[in-house]
Amino acid sequence: MRHTSGARNDGPPLERVVYPGAHHGFYYPHLQPGMSLFDHWVEYNGEAADNASHRLHQFLDRHLKADSGNRN
Protein backbone atom coordinates (compact mmCIF):
# COMPACT_ATOMS: atom_id res chain seq x y z
CA MET A 1 0.00 0.00 0.00
CA ARG A 2 1.28 3.41 -0.87
CA HIS A 3 0.27 4.96 2.47
CA THR A 4 2.14 2.40 4.56
CA SER A 5 5.23 1.89 2.40
CA GLY A 6 7.23 4.29 4.59
CA ALA A 7 6.02 2.84 7.89
CA ARG A 8 8.55 1.61 10.39
CA ASN A 9 8.90 -2.15 10.54
CA ASP A 10 9.42 -2.21 14.32
CA GLY A 11 6.04 -0.69 15.20
CA PRO A 12 2.70 -2.37 15.74
CA PRO A 13 1.13 -4.07 12.73
CA LEU A 14 -1.12 -1.93 10.57
CA GLU A 15 -4.56 -3.07 9.54
CA ARG A 16 -6.87 -1.38 7.05
CA VAL A 17 -10.58 -1.76 7.68
CA VAL A 18 -13.14 -0.65 5.11
CA TYR A 19 -16.72 -0.07 6.21
CA PRO A 20 -18.92 -0.33 3.10
CA GLY A 21 -21.55 2.39 3.13
CA ALA A 22 -19.74 4.45 5.78
CA HIS A 23 -18.68 7.98 4.91
CA HIS A 24 -16.50 10.65 6.51
CA GLY A 25 -17.81 11.48 9.95
CA PHE A 26 -19.19 7.97 10.54
CA TYR A 27 -18.15 8.26 14.20
CA TYR A 28 -20.19 11.37 15.06
CA PRO A 29 -23.87 10.86 16.02
CA HIS A 30 -24.71 14.52 15.38
CA LEU A 31 -24.15 13.84 11.66
CA GLN A 32 -27.46 12.04 11.35
CA PRO A 33 -29.10 12.57 8.99
CA GLY A 34 -26.10 12.90 6.70
CA MET A 35 -25.26 16.05 4.80
CA SER A 36 -23.02 17.39 2.08
CA LEU A 37 -20.13 19.38 3.55
CA PHE A 38 -17.63 21.00 1.18
CA ASP A 39 -18.75 18.62 -1.60
CA HIS A 40 -18.21 15.52 0.59
CA TRP A 41 -20.95 13.41 2.12
CA VAL A 42 -20.63 13.03 5.90
CA GLU A 43 -22.93 10.77 7.89
CA TYR A 44 -23.00 8.87 11.17
CA ASN A 45 -22.94 5.07 10.90
CA GLY A 46 -23.53 3.40 14.27
CA GLU A 47 -22.38 -0.06 13.22
CA ALA A 48 -19.09 1.25 11.80
CA ALA A 49 -18.57 3.55 14.81
CA ASP A 50 -19.10 0.70 17.29
CA ASN A 51 -16.72 -1.58 15.40
CA ALA A 52 -14.06 1.12 15.06
CA SER A 53 -14.29 1.96 18.76
CA HIS A 54 -13.98 -1.72 19.69
CA ARG A 55 -10.96 -2.16 17.40
CA LEU A 56 -9.32 0.99 18.77
CA HIS A 57 -9.64 -0.20 22.37
CA GLN A 58 -8.28 -3.64 21.45
CA PHE A 59 -5.29 -2.02 19.72
CA LEU A 60 -4.53 0.26 22.67
CA ASP A 61 -4.84 -2.61 25.15
CA ARG A 62 -2.49 -4.75 23.08
CA HIS A 63 0.16 -2.15 22.33
CA LEU A 64 0.05 0.57 24.97
CA LYS A 65 -1.19 -1.04 28.17
CA ALA A 66 1.39 -0.54 30.90
CA ASP A 67 2.92 -3.60 32.50
CA SER A 68 1.48 -3.58 36.04
CA GLY A 69 4.82 -4.81 37.41
CA ASN A 70 6.60 -1.62 36.27
CA ARG A 71 4.28 0.88 37.96
CA ASN A 72 5.37 2.84 41.04
PDB file of N, CA and C in Angstrom:
ATOM      1  N   MET A   1       0.834  -1.180   0.000  1.00  0.00           N
ATOM      2  CA  MET A   1       0.000   0.000   0.000  1.00  0.00           C
ATOM      3  C   MET A   1       0.877   1.242   0.000  1.00  0.00           C
ATOM      4  N   ARG A   2       0.518   2.182  -0.764  1.00  0.00           N
ATOM      5  CA  ARG A   2       1.276   3.414  -0.869  1.00  0.00           C
ATOM      6  C   ARG A   2       1.375   4.135   0.476  1.00  0.00           C
ATOM      7  N   HIS A   3       0.286   4.194   1.228  1.00  0.00           N
ATOM      8  CA  HIS A   3       0.269   4.958   2.472  1.00  0.00           C
ATOM      9  C   HIS A   3       1.132   4.337   3.562  1.00  0.00           C
ATOM     10  N   THR A   4       1.377   3.056   3.509  1.00  0.00           N
ATOM     11  CA  THR A   4       2.144   2.399   4.558  1.00  0.00           C
ATOM     12  C   THR A   4       3.543   2.008   4.116  1.00  0.00           C
ATOM     13  N   SER A   5       3.925   2.329   2.896  1.00  0.00           N
ATOM     14  CA  SER A   5       5.226   1.892   2.400  1.00  0.00           C
ATOM     15  C   SER A   5       6.374   2.504   3.193  1.00  0.00           C
ATOM     16  N   GLY A   6       6.178   3.661   3.800  1.00  0.00           N
ATOM     17  CA  GLY A   6       7.233   4.292   4.588  1.00  0.00           C
ATOM     18  C   GLY A   6       7.123   4.013   6.070  1.00  0.00           C
ATOM     19  N   ALA A   7       6.216   3.137   6.468  1.00  0.00           N
ATOM     20  CA  ALA A   7       6.015   2.844   7.887  1.00  0.00           C
ATOM     21  C   ALA A   7       7.210   2.085   8.447  1.00  0.00           C
ATOM     22  N   ARG A   8       7.462   2.324   9.711  1.00  0.00           N
ATOM     23  CA  ARG A   8       8.549   1.606  10.387  1.00  0.00           C
ATOM     24  C   ARG A   8       8.172   0.140  10.539  1.00  0.00           C
ATOM     25  N   ASN A   9       9.146  -0.718  10.412  1.00  0.00           N
ATOM     26  CA  ASN A   9       8.900  -2.153  10.542  1.00  0.00           C
ATOM     27  C   ASN A   9       8.871  -2.615  11.991  1.00  0.00           C
ATOM     28  N   ASP A  10       9.361  -1.787  12.927  1.00  0.00           N
ATOM     29  CA  ASP A  10       9.423  -2.212  14.318  1.00  0.00           C
ATOM     30  C   ASP A  10       8.210  -1.759  15.133  1.00  0.00           C
ATOM     31  N   GLY A  11       7.243  -1.140  14.500  1.00  0.00           N
ATOM     32  CA  GLY A  11       6.043  -0.686  15.196  1.00  0.00           C
ATOM     33  C   GLY A  11       4.957  -1.749  15.178  1.00  0.00           C
ATOM     34  N   PRO A  12       3.814  -1.421  15.764  1.00  0.00           N
ATOM     35  CA  PRO A  12       2.701  -2.371  15.745  1.00  0.00           C
ATOM     36  C   PRO A  12       2.211  -2.616  14.325  1.00  0.00           C
ATOM     37  N   PRO A  13       1.628  -3.776  14.075  1.00  0.00           N
ATOM     38  CA  PRO A  13       1.131  -4.068  12.728  1.00  0.00           C
ATOM     39  C   PRO A  13      -0.005  -3.126  12.344  1.00  0.00           C
ATOM     40  N   LEU A  14      -0.051  -2.789  11.079  1.00  0.00           N
ATOM     41  CA  LEU A  14      -1.120  -1.930  10.567  1.00  0.00           C
ATOM     42  C   LEU A  14      -2.208  -2.795   9.958  1.00  0.00           C
ATOM     43  N   GLU A  15      -3.427  -2.346  10.111  1.00  0.00           N
ATOM     44  CA  GLU A  15      -4.563  -3.067   9.543  1.00  0.00           C
ATOM     45  C   GLU A  15      -5.511  -2.043   8.942  1.00  0.00           C
ATOM     46  N   ARG A  16      -5.911  -2.266   7.712  1.00  0.00           N
ATOM     47  CA  ARG A  16      -6.872  -1.378   7.054  1.00  0.00           C
ATOM     48  C   ARG A  16      -8.243  -2.038   7.125  1.00  0.00           C
ATOM     49  N   VAL A  17      -9.208  -1.271   7.596  1.00  0.00           N
ATOM     50  CA  VAL A  17     -10.582  -1.760   7.680  1.00  0.00           C
ATOM     51  C   VAL A  17     -11.448  -0.840   6.840  1.00  0.00           C
ATOM     52  N   VAL A  18     -12.228  -1.418   5.958  1.00  0.00           N
ATOM     53  CA  VAL A  18     -13.140  -0.650   5.113  1.00  0.00           C
ATOM     54  C   VAL A  18     -14.559  -0.960   5.567  1.00  0.00           C
ATOM     55  N   TYR A  19     -15.318   0.087   5.816  1.00  0.00           N
ATOM     56  CA  TYR A  19     -16.719  -0.066   6.207  1.00  0.00           C
ATOM     57  C   TYR A  19     -17.588   0.326   5.019  1.00  0.00           C
ATOM     58  N   PRO A  20     -18.078  -0.646   4.257  1.00  0.00           N
ATOM     59  CA  PRO A  20     -18.924  -0.326   3.103  1.00  0.00           C
ATOM     60  C   PRO A  20     -20.143   0.492   3.544  1.00  0.00           C
ATOM     61  N   GLY A  21     -20.411   1.536   2.818  1.00  0.00           N
ATOM     62  CA  GLY A  21     -21.548   2.391   3.127  1.00  0.00           C
ATOM     63  C   GLY A  21     -21.265   3.464   4.156  1.00  0.00           C
ATOM     64  N   ALA A  22     -20.098   3.423   4.789  1.00  0.00           N
ATOM     65  CA  ALA A  22     -19.743   4.448   5.776  1.00  0.00           C
ATOM     66  C   ALA A  22     -19.010   5.586   5.069  1.00  0.00           C
ATOM     67  N   HIS A  23     -19.275   6.784   5.512  1.00  0.00           N
ATOM     68  CA  HIS A  23     -18.679   7.978   4.914  1.00  0.00           C
ATOM     69  C   HIS A  23     -17.844   8.708   5.959  1.00  0.00           C
ATOM     70  N   HIS A  24     -17.189   9.800   5.549  1.00  0.00           N
ATOM     71  CA  HIS A  24     -16.495  10.645   6.515  1.00  0.00           C
ATOM     72  C   HIS A  24     -17.471  11.012   7.617  1.00  0.00           C
ATOM     73  N   GLY A  25     -16.967  11.097   8.835  1.00  0.00           N
ATOM     74  CA  GLY A  25     -17.814  11.482   9.950  1.00  0.00           C
ATOM     75  C   GLY A  25     -18.650  10.344  10.506  1.00  0.00           C
ATOM     76  N   PHE A  26     -18.357   9.101  10.112  1.00  0.00           N
ATOM     77  CA  PHE A  26     -19.191   7.975  10.539  1.00  0.00           C
ATOM     78  C   PHE A  26     -19.216   7.811  12.049  1.00  0.00           C
ATOM     79  N   TYR A  27     -18.292   8.430  12.752  1.00  0.00           N
ATOM     80  CA  TYR A  27     -18.152   8.255  14.200  1.00  0.00           C
ATOM     81  C   TYR A  27     -18.976   9.266  15.004  1.00  0.00           C
ATOM     82  N   TYR A  28     -19.550  10.256  14.358  1.00  0.00           N
ATOM     83  CA  TYR A  28     -20.189  11.370  15.062  1.00  0.00           C
ATOM     84  C   TYR A  28     -21.709  11.322  14.945  1.00  0.00           C
ATOM     85  N   PRO A  29     -22.410  10.992  16.055  1.00  0.00           N
ATOM     86  CA  PRO A  29     -23.869  10.857  16.020  1.00  0.00           C
ATOM     87  C   PRO A  29     -24.607  12.116  15.572  1.00  0.00           C
ATOM     88  N   HIS A  30     -24.016  13.291  15.787  1.00  0.00           N
ATOM     89  CA  HIS A  30     -24.710  14.521  15.379  1.00  0.00           C
ATOM     90  C   HIS A  30     -24.777  14.670  13.856  1.00  0.00           C
ATOM     91  N   LEU A  31     -24.089  13.795  13.122  1.00  0.00           N
ATOM     92  CA  LEU A  31     -24.149  13.837  11.657  1.00  0.00           C
ATOM     93  C   LEU A  31     -25.206  12.871  11.125  1.00  0.00           C
ATOM     94  N   GLN A  32     -26.339  12.857  11.805  1.00  0.00           N
ATOM     95  CA  GLN A  32     -27.457  12.045  11.347  1.00  0.00           C
ATOM     96  C   GLN A  32     -28.697  12.926  11.353  1.00  0.00           C
ATOM     97  N   PRO A  33     -29.362  13.156  10.297  1.00  0.00           N
ATOM     98  CA  PRO A  33     -29.099  12.565   8.987  1.00  0.00           C
ATOM     99  C   PRO A  33     -27.821  13.140   8.372  1.00  0.00           C
ATOM    100  N   GLY A  34     -27.319  12.456   7.369  1.00  0.00           N
ATOM    101  CA  GLY A  34     -26.105  12.901   6.700  1.00  0.00           C
ATOM    102  C   GLY A  34     -26.320  14.198   5.939  1.00  0.00           C
ATOM    103  N   MET A  35     -25.192  14.791   5.537  1.00  0.00           N
ATOM    104  CA  MET A  35     -25.256  16.048   4.799  1.00  0.00           C
ATOM    105  C   MET A  35     -24.032  16.192   3.912  1.00  0.00           C
ATOM    106  N   SER A  36     -24.148  17.061   2.938  1.00  0.00           N
ATOM    107  CA  SER A  36     -23.019  17.393   2.082  1.00  0.00           C
ATOM    108  C   SER A  36     -22.264  18.543   2.737  1.00  0.00           C
ATOM    109  N   LEU A  37     -20.972  18.372   2.912  1.00  0.00           N
ATOM    110  CA  LEU A  37     -20.134  19.379   3.546  1.00  0.00           C
ATOM    111  C   LEU A  37     -18.890  19.566   2.683  1.00  0.00           C
ATOM    112  N   PHE A  38     -18.756  20.719   2.084  1.00  0.00           N
ATOM    113  CA  PHE A  38     -17.633  20.995   1.178  1.00  0.00           C
ATOM    114  C   PHE A  38     -17.525  19.930   0.084  1.00  0.00           C
ATOM    115  N   ASP A  39     -18.656  19.599  -0.504  1.00  0.00           N
ATOM    116  CA  ASP A  39     -18.750  18.624  -1.595  1.00  0.00           C
ATOM    117  C   ASP A  39     -18.394  17.194  -1.189  1.00  0.00           C
ATOM    118  N   HIS A  40     -18.433  16.885   0.105  1.00  0.00           N
ATOM    119  CA  HIS A  40     -18.210  15.519   0.593  1.00  0.00           C
ATOM    120  C   HIS A  40     -19.398  15.126   1.454  1.00  0.00           C
ATOM    121  N   TRP A  41     -19.843  13.888   1.303  1.00  0.00           N
ATOM    122  CA  TRP A  41     -20.948  13.415   2.119  1.00  0.00           C
ATOM    123  C   TRP A  41     -20.402  12.953   3.468  1.00  0.00           C
ATOM    124  N   VAL A  42     -20.989  13.442   4.543  1.00  0.00           N
ATOM    125  CA  VAL A  42     -20.631  13.032   5.902  1.00  0.00           C
ATOM    126  C   VAL A  42     -21.895  12.495   6.565  1.00  0.00           C
ATOM    127  N   GLU A  43     -21.754  11.381   7.276  1.00  0.00           N
ATOM    128  CA  GLU A  43     -22.931  10.768   7.885  1.00  0.00           C
ATOM    129  C   GLU A  43     -22.514   9.778   8.965  1.00  0.00           C
ATOM    130  N   TYR A  44     -23.218   9.827  10.079  1.00  0.00           N
ATOM    131  CA  TYR A  44     -23.003   8.874  11.170  1.00  0.00           C
ATOM    132  C   TYR A  44     -23.410   7.471  10.730  1.00  0.00           C
ATOM    133  N   ASN A  45     -22.626   6.475  11.161  1.00  0.00           N
ATOM    134  CA  ASN A  45     -22.940   5.072  10.903  1.00  0.00           C
ATOM    135  C   ASN A  45     -22.646   4.322  12.202  1.00  0.00           C
ATOM    136  N   GLY A  46     -23.689   4.018  12.955  1.00  0.00           N
ATOM    137  CA  GLY A  46     -23.531   3.404  14.271  1.00  0.00           C
ATOM    138  C   GLY A  46     -22.778   2.093  14.260  1.00  0.00           C
ATOM    139  N   GLU A  47     -23.049   1.240  13.296  1.00  0.00           N
ATOM    140  CA  GLU A  47     -22.379  -0.060  13.222  1.00  0.00           C
ATOM    141  C   GLU A  47     -20.879   0.117  12.994  1.00  0.00           C
ATOM    142  N   ALA A  48     -20.511   0.988  12.072  1.00  0.00           N
ATOM    143  CA  ALA A  48     -19.094   1.248  11.802  1.00  0.00           C
ATOM    144  C   ALA A  48     -18.432   1.911  13.009  1.00  0.00           C
ATOM    145  N   ALA A  49     -19.121   2.853  13.646  1.00  0.00           N
ATOM    146  CA  ALA A  49     -18.568   3.545  14.813  1.00  0.00           C
ATOM    147  C   ALA A  49     -18.321   2.569  15.957  1.00  0.00           C
ATOM    148  N   ASP A  50     -19.268   1.689  16.219  1.00  0.00           N
ATOM    149  CA  ASP A  50     -19.103   0.700  17.290  1.00  0.00           C
ATOM    150  C   ASP A  50     -17.928  -0.222  17.005  1.00  0.00           C
ATOM    151  N   ASN A  51     -17.812  -0.687  15.764  1.00  0.00           N
ATOM    152  CA  ASN A  51     -16.724  -1.585  15.402  1.00  0.00           C
ATOM    153  C   ASN A  51     -15.377  -0.872  15.491  1.00  0.00           C
ATOM    154  N   ALA A  52     -15.313   0.360  15.009  1.00  0.00           N
ATOM    155  CA  ALA A  52     -14.060   1.124  15.057  1.00  0.00           C
ATOM    156  C   ALA A  52     -13.639   1.383  16.499  1.00  0.00           C
ATOM    157  N   SER A  53     -14.590   1.717  17.353  1.00  0.00           N
ATOM    158  CA  SER A  53     -14.291   1.955  18.758  1.00  0.00           C
ATOM    159  C   SER A  53     -13.769   0.684  19.424  1.00  0.00           C
ATOM    160  N   HIS A  54     -14.410  -0.433  19.139  1.00  0.00           N
ATOM    161  CA  HIS A  54     -13.977  -1.721  19.689  1.00  0.00           C
ATOM    162  C   HIS A  54     -12.557  -2.051  19.230  1.00  0.00           C
ATOM    163  N   ARG A  55     -12.292  -1.876  17.946  1.00  0.00           N
ATOM    164  CA  ARG A  55     -10.959  -2.160  17.403  1.00  0.00           C
ATOM    165  C   ARG A  55      -9.900  -1.232  18.003  1.00  0.00           C
ATOM    166  N   LEU A  56     -10.254   0.031  18.180  1.00  0.00           N
ATOM    167  CA  LEU A  56      -9.317   0.991  18.773  1.00  0.00           C
ATOM    168  C   LEU A  56      -8.943   0.569  20.188  1.00  0.00           C
ATOM    169  N   HIS A  57      -9.927   0.213  20.996  1.00  0.00           N
ATOM    170  CA  HIS A  57      -9.640  -0.203  22.368  1.00  0.00           C
ATOM    171  C   HIS A  57      -8.816  -1.488  22.411  1.00  0.00           C
ATOM    172  N   GLN A  58      -9.093  -2.418  21.526  1.00  0.00           N
ATOM    173  CA  GLN A  58      -8.285  -3.638  21.447  1.00  0.00           C
ATOM    174  C   GLN A  58      -6.836  -3.301  21.107  1.00  0.00           C
ATOM    175  N   PHE A  59      -6.636  -2.415  20.137  1.00  0.00           N
ATOM    176  CA  PHE A  59      -5.290  -2.016  19.720  1.00  0.00           C
ATOM    177  C   PHE A  59      -4.543  -1.368  20.884  1.00  0.00           C
ATOM    178  N   LEU A  60      -5.182  -0.429  21.559  1.00  0.00           N
ATOM    179  CA  LEU A  60      -4.533   0.259  22.674  1.00  0.00           C
ATOM    180  C   LEU A  60      -4.211  -0.705  23.806  1.00  0.00           C
ATOM    181  N   ASP A  61      -5.113  -1.612  24.111  1.00  0.00           N
ATOM    182  CA  ASP A  61      -4.845  -2.611  25.147  1.00  0.00           C
ATOM    183  C   ASP A  61      -3.656  -3.487  24.781  1.00  0.00           C
ATOM    184  N   ARG A  62      -3.570  -3.878  23.531  1.00  0.00           N
ATOM    185  CA  ARG A  62      -2.486  -4.747  23.078  1.00  0.00           C
ATOM    186  C   ARG A  62      -1.138  -4.050  23.046  1.00  0.00           C
ATOM    187  N   HIS A  63      -1.113  -2.790  22.618  1.00  0.00           N
ATOM    188  CA  HIS A  63       0.164  -2.153  22.326  1.00  0.00           C
ATOM    189  C   HIS A  63       0.588  -1.054  23.291  1.00  0.00           C
ATOM    190  N   LEU A  64      -0.316  -0.535  24.092  1.00  0.00           N
ATOM    191  CA  LEU A  64       0.047   0.574  24.971  1.00  0.00           C
ATOM    192  C   LEU A  64      -0.226   0.318  26.445  1.00  0.00           C
ATOM    193  N   LYS A  65      -0.864  -0.766  26.774  1.00  0.00           N
ATOM    194  CA  LYS A  65      -1.192  -1.044  28.170  1.00  0.00           C
ATOM    195  C   LYS A  65       0.100  -1.214  28.962  1.00  0.00           C
ATOM    196  N   ALA A  66       0.187  -0.483  30.066  1.00  0.00           N
ATOM    197  CA  ALA A  66       1.391  -0.543  30.897  1.00  0.00           C
ATOM    198  C   ALA A  66       1.471  -1.892  31.603  1.00  0.00           C
ATOM    199  N   ASP A  67       2.678  -2.375  31.742  1.00  0.00           N
ATOM    200  CA  ASP A  67       2.921  -3.595  32.499  1.00  0.00           C
ATOM    201  C   ASP A  67       2.728  -3.256  33.973  1.00  0.00           C
ATOM    202  N   SER A  68       1.794  -3.910  34.646  1.00  0.00           N
ATOM    203  CA  SER A  68       1.478  -3.575  36.039  1.00  0.00           C
ATOM    204  C   SER A  68       2.673  -3.776  36.959  1.00  0.00           C
ATOM    205  N   GLY A  69       3.630  -4.596  36.595  1.00  0.00           N
ATOM    206  CA  GLY A  69       4.821  -4.812  37.410  1.00  0.00           C
ATOM    207  C   GLY A  69       5.801  -3.656  37.366  1.00  0.00           C
ATOM    208  N   ASN A  70       5.674  -2.746  36.405  1.00  0.00           N
ATOM    209  CA  ASN A  70       6.601  -1.623  36.274  1.00  0.00           C
ATOM    210  C   ASN A  70       6.049  -0.322  36.832  1.00  0.00           C
ATOM    211  N   ARG A  71       4.884  -0.343  37.433  1.00  0.00           N
ATOM    212  CA  ARG A  71       4.275   0.883  37.963  1.00  0.00           C
ATOM    213  C   ARG A  71       4.790   1.162  39.358  1.00  0.00           C
ATOM    214  N   ASN A  72       4.935   2.435  39.692  1.00  0.00           N
ATOM    215  CA  ASN A  72       5.372   2.841  41.041  1.00  0.00           C
ATOM    216  C   ASN A  72       4.188   3.052  41.930  1.00  0.00           C
TER     217      ASN A  72
END
